[in-house]
Amino acid sequence: MNWRLERFETVASTSDLCKTRAEAGEAAGLAVLARYQTSGRGTRGREWQSLDGNLAISILLRPDAPQRTVPLLPFVIGLSIIEAVTEPVVAGDLQLKWPNDLMLAGGKLGGVLIELGGAAEAPWVVVGIGMNLRTAPEVPGRQVRALADYGVSMEPEAAAWRILGRLENWLAWALEEGGAGRVYRAWQVRAHPVGTRLAVQQGGGYVEGLFSGLDGRGALMLQTDSGEVVHSVAGDVLLLG
């Protein structure tokens, strides 16, 4: 991949800038890094606070074999991020949370927003990544962590290049024969363990149960207290213990 990292002091949204460039025909490999975002956002329209020294980056992809690779992207991105920021002092405390969060010591360290556009047979994908490298913002009702609070000093540009390097490898592996299985297995090793109690969003509420791994499509499997196994393909997940 021909990665092209562009750096900005302030933008409204790194993802919106990437999307505009994608619609204008920009080739895959563009990465937009900003020190500040004035309109950063997370999943489901939530605000994402951009604080100085934290990571705000969006990456433009045009996947080969999109029907195979696009469903794997949440897992490929998560693996790339966690491998990029794992240092010995936090290795045991870092964990992926389905479908798109990075956790540190039980609190949110980072998140991913994946947006698609273009033609169905040749889509573009913009991957927005926000991560608390230096400062954990205050989010009412949620535990939030920063790497610096756990002894890890990492600058945004260094983190960006680490992520891009790991992402290139995982995108290639995902296209190999048996790539989906490899991705799912690797993700489960770095995720909340089987048996972790979760609450998974279903419709207007949440269903509680025990994490039972991923199915062959990457859907989260939750064994409810009644013994039923629920397969979830989208929605918030809360770690209950």
C-alpha atoms as a PDB file:
ATOM      1  CA  MET A   1       0.000   0.000   0.000  1.00  0.00           C
ATOM      2  CA  ASN A   2       1.239   3.466  -0.857  1.00  0.00           C
ATOM      3  CA  TRP A   3       0.484   5.195   2.456  1.00  0.00           C
ATOM      4  CA  ARG A   4       0.339   8.993   2.239  1.00  0.00           C
ATOM      5  CA  LEU A   5       0.081  10.617   5.670  1.00  0.00           C
ATOM      6  CA  GLU A   6      -1.169  14.206   5.591  1.00  0.00           C
ATOM      7  CA  ARG A   7      -0.950  16.245   8.794  1.00  0.00           C
ATOM      8  CA  PHE A   8      -3.239  19.112   9.794  1.00  0.00           C
ATOM      9  CA  GLU A   9      -3.371  21.376  12.804  1.00  0.00           C
ATOM     10  CA  THR A  10      -7.183  21.615  12.888  1.00  0.00           C
ATOM     11  CA  VAL A  11      -9.958  20.117  10.761  1.00  0.00           C
ATOM     12  CA  ALA A  12     -13.671  19.703  11.311  1.00  0.00           C
ATOM     13  CA  SER A  13     -13.426  15.913  10.931  1.00  0.00           C
ATOM     14  CA  THR A  14     -10.612  13.765   9.559  1.00  0.00           C
ATOM     15  CA  SER A  15     -13.201  11.283   8.285  1.00  0.00           C
ATOM     16  CA  ASP A  16     -15.239  13.930   6.489  1.00  0.00           C
ATOM     17  CA  LEU A  17     -12.081  15.196   4.798  1.00  0.00           C
ATOM     18  CA  CYS A  18     -11.204  11.643   3.727  1.00  0.00           C
ATOM     19  CA  LYS A  19     -14.733  11.071   2.415  1.00  0.00           C
ATOM     20  CA  THR A  20     -14.593  14.254   0.333  1.00  0.00           C
ATOM     21  CA  ARG A  21     -11.282  13.144  -1.152  1.00  0.00           C
ATOM     22  CA  ALA A  22     -12.661   9.650  -1.777  1.00  0.00           C
ATOM     23  CA  GLU A  23     -15.621  11.038  -3.702  1.00  0.00           C
ATOM     24  CA  ALA A  24     -13.178  13.102  -5.767  1.00  0.00           C
ATOM     25  CA  GLY A  25     -11.337   9.938  -6.796  1.00  0.00           C
ATOM     26  CA  GLU A  26      -8.443   9.861  -4.331  1.00  0.00           C
ATOM     27  CA  ALA A  27      -6.544   6.573  -4.416  1.00  0.00           C
ATOM     28  CA  ALA A  28      -6.411   4.198  -1.468  1.00  0.00           C
ATOM     29  CA  GLY A  29      -3.707   4.831   1.100  1.00  0.00           C
ATOM     30  CA  LEU A  30      -4.539   8.405   2.086  1.00  0.00           C
ATOM     31  CA  ALA A  31      -4.292   8.934   5.848  1.00  0.00           C
ATOM     32  CA  VAL A  32      -5.381  12.226   7.427  1.00  0.00           C
ATOM     33  CA  LEU A  33      -3.957  13.073  10.849  1.00  0.00           C
ATOM     34  CA  ALA A  34      -5.126  16.120  12.799  1.00  0.00           C
ATOM     35  CA  ARG A  35      -4.015  17.658  16.058  1.00  0.00           C
ATOM     36  CA  TYR A  36      -7.536  18.916  16.726  1.00  0.00           C
ATOM     37  CA  GLN A  37     -11.001  18.172  15.341  1.00  0.00           C
ATOM     38  CA  THR A  38     -13.816  20.645  15.836  1.00  0.00           C
ATOM     39  CA  SER A  39     -16.549  18.145  14.870  1.00  0.00           C
ATOM     40  CA  GLY A  40     -15.073  14.754  15.632  1.00  0.00           C
ATOM     41  CA  ARG A  41     -17.579  11.941  16.007  1.00  0.00           C
ATOM     42  CA  GLY A  42     -17.796   8.359  17.107  1.00  0.00           C
ATOM     43  CA  THR A  43     -20.277   5.611  16.375  1.00  0.00           C
ATOM     44  CA  ARG A  44     -24.027   6.302  16.322  1.00  0.00           C
ATOM     45  CA  GLY A  45     -23.501  10.048  16.065  1.00  0.00           C
ATOM     46  CA  ARG A  46     -21.713  10.406  19.391  1.00  0.00           C
ATOM     47  CA  GLU A  47     -19.248  13.254  19.828  1.00  0.00           C
ATOM     48  CA  TRP A  48     -15.567  12.329  19.971  1.00  0.00           C
ATOM     49  CA  GLN A  49     -13.432  14.795  21.900  1.00  0.00           C
ATOM     50  CA  SER A  50     -10.074  15.654  20.300  1.00  0.00           C
ATOM     51  CA  LEU A  51      -7.544  16.679  22.920  1.00  0.00           C
ATOM     52  CA  ASP A  52      -3.962  17.743  22.296  1.00  0.00           C
ATOM     53  CA  GLY A  53      -1.593  14.802  22.088  1.00  0.00           C
ATOM     54  CA  ASN A  54      -4.287  12.239  21.353  1.00  0.00           C
ATOM     55  CA  LEU A  55      -4.689  10.385  18.053  1.00  0.00           C
ATOM     56  CA  ALA A  56      -7.247  11.480  15.471  1.00  0.00           C
ATOM     57  CA  ILE A  57      -6.685   9.799  12.120  1.00  0.00           C
ATOM     58  CA  SER A  58      -8.792   8.619   9.196  1.00  0.00           C
ATOM     59  CA  ILE A  59      -7.645   6.219   6.499  1.00  0.00           C
ATOM     60  CA  LEU A  60      -9.008   5.766   2.978  1.00  0.00           C
ATOM     61  CA  LEU A  61      -9.200   2.198   1.665  1.00  0.00           C
ATOM     62  CA  ARG A  62     -10.497   0.751  -1.585  1.00  0.00           C
ATOM     63  CA  PRO A  63     -10.588  -2.955  -0.694  1.00  0.00           C
ATOM     64  CA  ASP A  64      -9.717  -5.731  -3.086  1.00  0.00           C
ATOM     65  CA  ALA A  65     -12.491  -8.353  -3.136  1.00  0.00           C
ATOM     66  CA  PRO A  66     -14.784  -6.077  -1.072  1.00  0.00           C
ATOM     67  CA  GLN A  67     -17.428  -8.736  -0.430  1.00  0.00           C
ATOM     68  CA  ARG A  68     -14.787 -10.767   1.398  1.00  0.00           C
ATOM     69  CA  THR A  69     -12.744  -8.051   3.045  1.00  0.00           C
ATOM     70  CA  VAL A  70     -15.246  -5.376   4.103  1.00  0.00           C
ATOM     71  CA  PRO A  71     -16.958  -7.625   6.730  1.00  0.00           C
ATOM     72  CA  LEU A  72     -13.498  -8.338   8.182  1.00  0.00           C
ATOM     73  CA  LEU A  73     -12.488  -4.693   8.511  1.00  0.00           C
ATOM     74  CA  PRO A  74     -13.696  -4.106  12.110  1.00  0.00           C
ATOM     75  CA  PHE A  75     -11.563  -7.039  13.230  1.00  0.00           C
ATOM     76  CA  VAL A  76      -8.583  -6.206  11.013  1.00  0.00           C
ATOM     77  CA  ILE A  77      -8.592  -2.603  12.230  1.00  0.00           C
ATOM     78  CA  GLY A  78      -8.895  -3.639  15.871  1.00  0.00           C
ATOM     79  CA  LEU A  79      -5.991  -6.049  15.582  1.00  0.00           C
ATOM     80  CA  SER A  80      -3.860  -3.425  13.838  1.00  0.00           C
ATOM     81  CA  ILE A  81      -4.505  -0.872  16.566  1.00  0.00           C
ATOM     82  CA  ILE A  82      -3.920  -3.139  19.538  1.00  0.00           C
ATOM     83  CA  GLU A  83      -0.702  -4.493  18.059  1.00  0.00           C
ATOM     84  CA  ALA A  84       0.473  -0.965  17.304  1.00  0.00           C
ATOM     85  CA  VAL A  85       0.072   0.341  20.867  1.00  0.00           C
ATOM     86  CA  THR A  86       0.901  -2.728  22.929  1.00  0.00           C
ATOM     87  CA  GLU A  87       3.881  -2.034  25.181  1.00  0.00           C
ATOM     88  CA  PRO A  88       5.115  -4.320  27.999  1.00  0.00           C
ATOM     89  CA  VAL A  89       3.736  -2.136  30.796  1.00  0.00           C
ATOM     90  CA  VAL A  90       0.156  -2.340  29.438  1.00  0.00           C
ATOM     91  CA  ALA A  91       0.181  -5.604  27.470  1.00  0.00           C
ATOM     92  CA  GLY A  92      -1.907  -7.469  30.023  1.00  0.00           C
ATOM     93  CA  ASP A  93      -4.452  -4.664  30.380  1.00  0.00           C
ATOM     94  CA  LEU A  94      -5.241  -4.028  26.701  1.00  0.00           C
ATOM     95  CA  GLN A  95      -8.286  -5.713  25.243  1.00  0.00           C
ATOM     96  CA  LEU A  96     -10.526  -5.478  22.185  1.00  0.00           C
ATOM     97  CA  LYS A  97     -14.267  -5.097  22.742  1.00  0.00           C
ATOM     98  CA  TRP A  98     -16.658  -6.141  19.998  1.00  0.00           C
ATOM     99  CA  PRO A  99     -17.194  -4.637  17.559  1.00  0.00           C
ATOM    100  CA  ASN A 100     -14.870  -1.627  17.476  1.00  0.00           C
ATOM    101  CA  ASP A 101     -13.466  -0.497  20.841  1.00  0.00           C
ATOM    102  CA  LEU A 102     -10.025  -0.731  22.408  1.00  0.00           C
ATOM    103  CA  MET A 103     -10.060  -1.060  26.191  1.00  0.00           C
ATOM    104  CA  LEU A 104      -7.353  -0.418  28.770  1.00  0.00           C
ATOM    105  CA  ALA A 105      -7.831  -1.686  32.317  1.00  0.00           C
ATOM    106  CA  GLY A 106     -11.588  -1.878  31.751  1.00  0.00           C
ATOM    107  CA  GLY A 107     -11.947   1.681  30.413  1.00  0.00           C
ATOM    108  CA  LYS A 108     -12.211   2.909  26.841  1.00  0.00           C
ATOM    109  CA  LEU A 109      -8.896   3.827  25.261  1.00  0.00           C
ATOM    110  CA  GLY A 110      -9.980   4.197  21.649  1.00  0.00           C
ATOM    111  CA  GLY A 111     -12.665   3.591  19.101  1.00  0.00           C
ATOM    112  CA  VAL A 112     -13.198   3.072  15.385  1.00  0.00           C
ATOM    113  CA  LEU A 113     -15.781   4.470  12.974  1.00  0.00           C
ATOM    114  CA  ILE A 114     -16.030   2.732   9.588  1.00  0.00           C
ATOM    115  CA  GLU A 115     -17.954   4.427   6.765  1.00  0.00           C
ATOM    116  CA  LEU A 116     -18.551   3.137   3.219  1.00  0.00           C
ATOM    117  CA  GLY A 117     -19.450   4.828  -0.015  1.00  0.00           C
ATOM    118  CA  GLY A 118     -19.053   4.608  -3.762  1.00  0.00           C
ATOM    119  CA  ALA A 119     -20.219   1.815  -6.040  1.00  0.00           C
ATOM    120  CA  ALA A 120     -21.213  -1.467  -4.393  1.00  0.00           C
ATOM    121  CA  GLU A 121     -18.803  -3.478  -6.533  1.00  0.00           C
ATOM    122  CA  ALA A 122     -15.885  -1.079  -5.884  1.00  0.00           C
ATOM    123  CA  PRO A 123     -16.571   0.827  -2.667  1.00  0.00           C
ATOM    124  CA  TRP A 124     -14.346   3.186  -0.797  1.00  0.00           C
ATOM    125  CA  VAL A 125     -14.018   2.794   2.959  1.00  0.00           C
ATOM    126  CA  VAL A 126     -13.001   5.489   5.425  1.00  0.00           C
ATOM    127  CA  VAL A 127     -11.726   4.224   8.764  1.00  0.00           C
ATOM    128  CA  GLY A 128     -11.719   6.825  11.542  1.00  0.00           C
ATOM    129  CA  ILE A 129      -9.624   6.040  14.600  1.00  0.00           C
ATOM    130  CA  GLY A 130      -9.563   8.017  17.827  1.00  0.00           C
ATOM    131  CA  MET A 131      -7.295   7.056  20.703  1.00  0.00           C
ATOM    132  CA  ASN A 132      -6.382   8.645  24.024  1.00  0.00           C
ATOM    133  CA  LEU A 133      -2.601   8.700  23.950  1.00  0.00           C
ATOM    134  CA  ARG A 134      -1.952  11.574  26.361  1.00  0.00           C
ATOM    135  CA  THR A 135      -5.249  12.571  27.987  1.00  0.00           C
ATOM    136  CA  ALA A 136      -8.480  10.770  28.849  1.00  0.00           C
ATOM    137  CA  PRO A 137     -11.472  13.068  28.272  1.00  0.00           C
ATOM    138  CA  GLU A 138     -14.253  13.216  30.813  1.00  0.00           C
ATOM    139  CA  VAL A 139     -17.274  11.265  29.578  1.00  0.00           C
ATOM    140  CA  PRO A 140     -20.214  11.140  31.998  1.00  0.00           C
ATOM    141  CA  GLY A 141     -21.138   7.599  32.962  1.00  0.00           C
ATOM    142  CA  ARG A 142     -18.151   5.958  31.246  1.00  0.00           C
ATOM    143  CA  GLN A 143     -14.661   4.925  32.282  1.00  0.00           C
ATOM    144  CA  VAL A 144     -12.080   6.375  29.910  1.00  0.00           C
ATOM    145  CA  ARG A 145      -8.333   5.701  29.889  1.00  0.00           C
ATOM    146  CA  ALA A 146      -5.183   7.202  28.356  1.00  0.00           C
ATOM    147  CA  LEU A 147      -1.935   5.411  27.585  1.00  0.00           C
ATOM    148  CA  ALA A 148       0.127   8.085  29.317  1.00  0.00           C
ATOM    149  CA  ASP A 149      -1.598   7.346  32.640  1.00  0.00           C
ATOM    150  CA  TYR A 150      -0.161   3.825  32.457  1.00  0.00           C
ATOM    151  CA  GLY A 151       3.416   4.787  31.665  1.00  0.00           C
ATOM    152  CA  VAL A 152       3.330   4.713  27.862  1.00  0.00           C
ATOM    153  CA  SER A 153       4.527   7.781  25.970  1.00  0.00           C
ATOM    154  CA  MET A 154       3.535   7.695  22.289  1.00  0.00           C
ATOM    155  CA  GLU A 155       3.182  10.599  19.883  1.00  0.00           C
ATOM    156  CA  PRO A 156       0.257  10.653  17.424  1.00  0.00           C
ATOM    157  CA  GLU A 157       2.396  10.427  14.288  1.00  0.00           C
ATOM    158  CA  ALA A 158       4.356   7.469  15.649  1.00  0.00           C
ATOM    159  CA  ALA A 159       1.108   5.711  16.571  1.00  0.00           C
ATOM    160  CA  ALA A 160      -0.284   6.450  13.105  1.00  0.00           C
ATOM    161  CA  TRP A 161       2.664   4.866  11.299  1.00  0.00           C
ATOM    162  CA  ARG A 162       2.570   1.826  13.591  1.00  0.00           C
ATOM    163  CA  ILE A 163      -1.118   1.312  12.843  1.00  0.00           C
ATOM    164  CA  LEU A 164      -0.613   1.706   9.096  1.00  0.00           C
ATOM    165  CA  GLY A 165       2.185  -0.848   9.124  1.00  0.00           C
ATOM    166  CA  ARG A 166       0.124  -3.443  10.987  1.00  0.00           C
ATOM    167  CA  LEU A 167      -2.944  -2.688   8.848  1.00  0.00           C
ATOM    168  CA  GLU A 168      -1.047  -3.394   5.646  1.00  0.00           C
ATOM    169  CA  ASN A 169      -0.095  -6.839   6.967  1.00  0.00           C
ATOM    170  CA  TRP A 170      -3.580  -7.714   8.204  1.00  0.00           C
ATOM    171  CA  LEU A 171      -5.240  -6.620   4.958  1.00  0.00           C
ATOM    172  CA  ALA A 172      -2.924  -8.934   3.035  1.00  0.00           C
ATOM    173  CA  TRP A 173      -3.510 -11.853   5.415  1.00  0.00           C
ATOM    174  CA  ALA A 174      -7.280 -11.375   5.222  1.00  0.00           C
ATOM    175  CA  LEU A 175      -7.151 -12.038   1.468  1.00  0.00           C
ATOM    176  CA  GLU A 176      -5.254 -15.303   1.831  1.00  0.00           C
ATOM    177  CA  GLU A 177      -7.043 -18.643   1.778  1.00  0.00           C
ATOM    178  CA  GLY A 178      -8.536 -19.152   5.227  1.00  0.00           C
ATOM    179  CA  GLY A 179      -7.924 -15.481   5.999  1.00  0.00           C
ATOM    180  CA  ALA A 180     -11.287 -14.881   7.664  1.00  0.00           C
ATOM    181  CA  GLY A 181     -10.733 -17.702  10.123  1.00  0.00           C
ATOM    182  CA  ARG A 182      -7.251 -16.421  10.902  1.00  0.00           C
ATOM    183  CA  VAL A 183      -8.583 -12.929  11.544  1.00  0.00           C
ATOM    184  CA  TYR A 184     -11.408 -14.122  13.807  1.00  0.00           C
ATOM    185  CA  ARG A 185      -9.102 -16.396  15.817  1.00  0.00           C
ATOM    186  CA  ALA A 186      -6.518 -13.656  16.300  1.00  0.00           C
ATOM    187  CA  TRP A 187      -9.214 -11.185  17.329  1.00  0.00           C
ATOM    188  CA  GLN A 188     -10.621 -13.550  19.956  1.00  0.00           C
ATOM    189  CA  VAL A 189      -7.169 -13.980  21.515  1.00  0.00           C
ATOM    190  CA  ARG A 190      -7.035 -10.198  22.100  1.00  0.00           C
ATOM    191  CA  ALA A 191     -10.686  -9.738  23.066  1.00  0.00           C
ATOM    192  CA  HIS A 192     -12.807 -10.152  26.177  1.00  0.00           C
ATOM    193  CA  PRO A 193     -12.491 -13.863  27.089  1.00  0.00           C
ATOM    194  CA  VAL A 194     -15.203 -16.413  26.362  1.00  0.00           C
ATOM    195  CA  GLY A 195     -17.424 -16.461  29.422  1.00  0.00           C
ATOM    196  CA  THR A 196     -17.237 -12.691  30.009  1.00  0.00           C
ATOM    197  CA  ARG A 197     -20.595 -11.316  31.036  1.00  0.00           C
ATOM    198  CA  LEU A 198     -21.903  -8.809  28.490  1.00  0.00           C
ATOM    199  CA  ALA A 199     -24.985  -6.784  27.711  1.00  0.00           C
ATOM    200  CA  VAL A 200     -25.651  -6.561  23.960  1.00  0.00           C
ATOM    201  CA  GLN A 201     -27.978  -4.028  22.389  1.00  0.00           C
ATOM    202  CA  GLN A 202     -31.008  -5.640  20.769  1.00  0.00           C
ATOM    203  CA  GLY A 203     -33.643  -3.274  19.428  1.00  0.00           C
ATOM    204  CA  GLY A 204     -34.496  -0.713  22.075  1.00  0.00           C
ATOM    205  CA  GLY A 205     -32.918  -2.582  24.982  1.00  0.00           C
ATOM    206  CA  TYR A 206     -30.080  -4.854  26.039  1.00  0.00           C
ATOM    207  CA  VAL A 207     -29.797  -8.618  26.382  1.00  0.00           C
ATOM    208  CA  GLU A 208     -27.439  -9.988  29.035  1.00  0.00           C
ATOM    209  CA  GLY A 209     -25.454 -13.177  28.896  1.00  0.00           C
ATOM    210  CA  LEU A 210     -22.029 -14.761  28.485  1.00  0.00           C
ATOM    211  CA  PHE A 211     -19.757 -14.120  25.515  1.00  0.00           C
ATOM    212  CA  SER A 212     -19.517 -17.341  23.493  1.00  0.00           C
ATOM    213  CA  GLY A 213     -17.079 -16.252  20.773  1.00  0.00           C
ATOM    214  CA  LEU A 214     -17.652 -15.315  17.147  1.00  0.00           C
ATOM    215  CA  ASP A 215     -19.596 -17.278  14.574  1.00  0.00           C
ATOM    216  CA  GLY A 216     -18.353 -17.913  11.039  1.00  0.00           C
ATOM    217  CA  ARG A 217     -19.523 -14.458   9.904  1.00  0.00           C
ATOM    218  CA  GLY A 218     -17.884 -12.562  12.757  1.00  0.00           C
ATOM    219  CA  ALA A 219     -21.159 -12.034  14.615  1.00  0.00           C
ATOM    220  CA  LEU A 220     -20.918 -11.965  18.393  1.00  0.00           C
ATOM    221  CA  MET A 221     -22.480 -14.993  20.083  1.00  0.00           C
ATOM    222  CA  LEU A 222     -24.089 -14.415  23.453  1.00  0.00           C
ATOM    223  CA  GLN A 223     -25.452 -17.222  25.608  1.00  0.00           C
ATOM    224  CA  THR A 224     -28.356 -15.742  27.516  1.00  0.00           C
ATOM    225  CA  ASP A 225     -29.364 -16.778  31.020  1.00  0.00           C
ATOM    226  CA  SER A 226     -32.092 -18.963  29.494  1.00  0.00           C
ATOM    227  CA  GLY A 227     -29.480 -20.910  27.505  1.00  0.00           C
ATOM    228  CA  GLU A 228     -30.394 -19.420  24.134  1.00  0.00           C
ATOM    229  CA  VAL A 229     -27.479 -18.293  21.956  1.00  0.00           C
ATOM    230  CA  VAL A 230     -28.085 -14.896  20.370  1.00  0.00           C
ATOM    231  CA  HIS A 231     -26.067 -13.820  17.310  1.00  0.00           C
ATOM    232  CA  SER A 232     -25.487 -10.088  17.087  1.00  0.00           C
ATOM    233  CA  VAL A 233     -24.121  -8.335  13.998  1.00  0.00           C
ATOM    234  CA  ALA A 234     -24.325  -4.739  15.285  1.00  0.00           C
ATOM    235  CA  GLY A 235     -25.049  -2.699  18.382  1.00  0.00           C
ATOM    236  CA  ASP A 236     -23.413  -1.502  21.575  1.00  0.00           C
ATOM    237  CA  VAL A 237     -21.797  -3.989  23.929  1.00  0.00           C
ATOM    238  CA  LEU A 238     -21.325  -3.352  27.648  1.00  0.00           C
ATOM    239  CA  LEU A 239     -18.785  -5.295  29.713  1.00  0.00           C
ATOM    240  CA  LEU A 240     -20.497  -6.394  32.916  1.00  0.00           C
ATOM    241  CA  GLY A 241     -17.645  -8.336  34.509  1.00  0.00           C
END
